[in-house]
Amino acid sequence: MQTNYRKQKCILGIDRGTKYIGLAYALPGSDVVFPIGYILNDKMMYFNVAGIIEKHNVGKIML
């Protein structure tokens, strides 16, 4: 049986710091976490996170 990973909702991990926010994602049921990188913790942060949620098909967020 083949699983279509593009249809699965990913889990987004957010590590919020005072200057930067670290981001990573994982597929549900997987023990592997893939780093995305970091973004600045500024007033554009919400727009940047929204774009990442859409790009990686995020269904859950873990802080």
Protein backbone atom coordinates (compact mmCIF):
# COMPACT_ATOMS: atom_id res chain seq x y z
CA MET A 1 0.00 0.00 0.00
CA GLN A 2 1.42 3.35 -1.03
CA THR A 3 0.88 6.45 1.12
CA ASN A 4 0.51 9.86 -0.48
CA TYR A 5 2.55 12.09 1.85
CA ARG A 6 1.47 15.31 0.11
CA LYS A 7 -2.12 14.82 1.36
CA GLN A 8 -1.05 14.27 4.97
CA LYS A 9 -1.04 17.23 7.31
CA CYS A 10 2.40 17.91 8.78
CA ILE A 11 3.25 18.94 12.32
CA LEU A 12 5.05 22.28 12.65
CA GLY A 13 7.41 22.77 15.58
CA ILE A 14 8.04 26.34 16.70
CA ASP A 15 10.85 27.35 19.08
CA ARG A 16 10.19 31.01 19.85
CA GLY A 17 13.08 33.09 21.08
CA THR A 18 13.37 36.81 21.72
CA LYS A 19 15.17 37.55 18.43
CA TYR A 20 14.65 34.46 16.24
CA ILE A 21 12.02 31.73 15.84
CA GLY A 22 13.23 28.24 14.93
CA LEU A 23 11.01 26.09 12.73
CA ALA A 24 10.88 22.38 11.91
CA TYR A 25 8.28 19.95 10.58
CA ALA A 26 7.46 16.24 10.75
CA LEU A 27 5.00 13.92 9.08
CA PRO A 28 2.36 12.37 11.35
CA GLY A 29 3.49 9.08 12.84
CA SER A 30 7.11 9.74 11.91
CA ASP A 31 10.03 10.05 14.32
CA VAL A 32 11.99 12.15 11.81
CA VAL A 33 11.95 15.94 12.14
CA PHE A 34 13.10 18.13 9.25
CA PRO A 35 14.53 21.56 10.06
CA ILE A 36 13.09 24.47 8.11
CA GLY A 37 15.37 27.16 9.54
CA TYR A 38 14.63 30.33 11.42
CA ILE A 39 12.82 33.62 10.93
CA LEU A 40 13.11 36.94 12.71
CA ASN A 41 10.78 37.52 15.64
CA ASP A 42 9.37 40.80 14.36
CA LYS A 43 6.03 42.19 13.18
CA MET A 44 6.27 40.17 9.92
CA MET A 45 6.61 36.90 11.87
CA TYR A 46 2.89 36.04 11.63
CA PHE A 47 2.90 36.44 7.84
CA ASN A 48 6.05 34.33 7.54
CA VAL A 49 4.61 31.53 9.70
CA ALA A 50 1.34 31.61 7.72
CA GLY A 51 3.32 31.10 4.50
CA ILE A 52 5.20 28.16 6.01
CA ILE A 53 1.93 26.61 7.23
CA GLU A 54 0.55 26.77 3.70
CA LYS A 55 3.76 25.57 2.02
CA HIS A 56 4.21 22.51 4.26
CA ASN A 57 0.50 21.61 4.58
CA VAL A 58 0.53 21.98 8.37
CA GLY A 59 -2.36 20.53 10.39
CA LYS A 60 -0.92 20.85 13.91
CA ILE A 61 1.47 23.24 15.63
CA MET A 62 3.70 22.34 18.57
CA LEU A 63 5.28 25.13 20.60
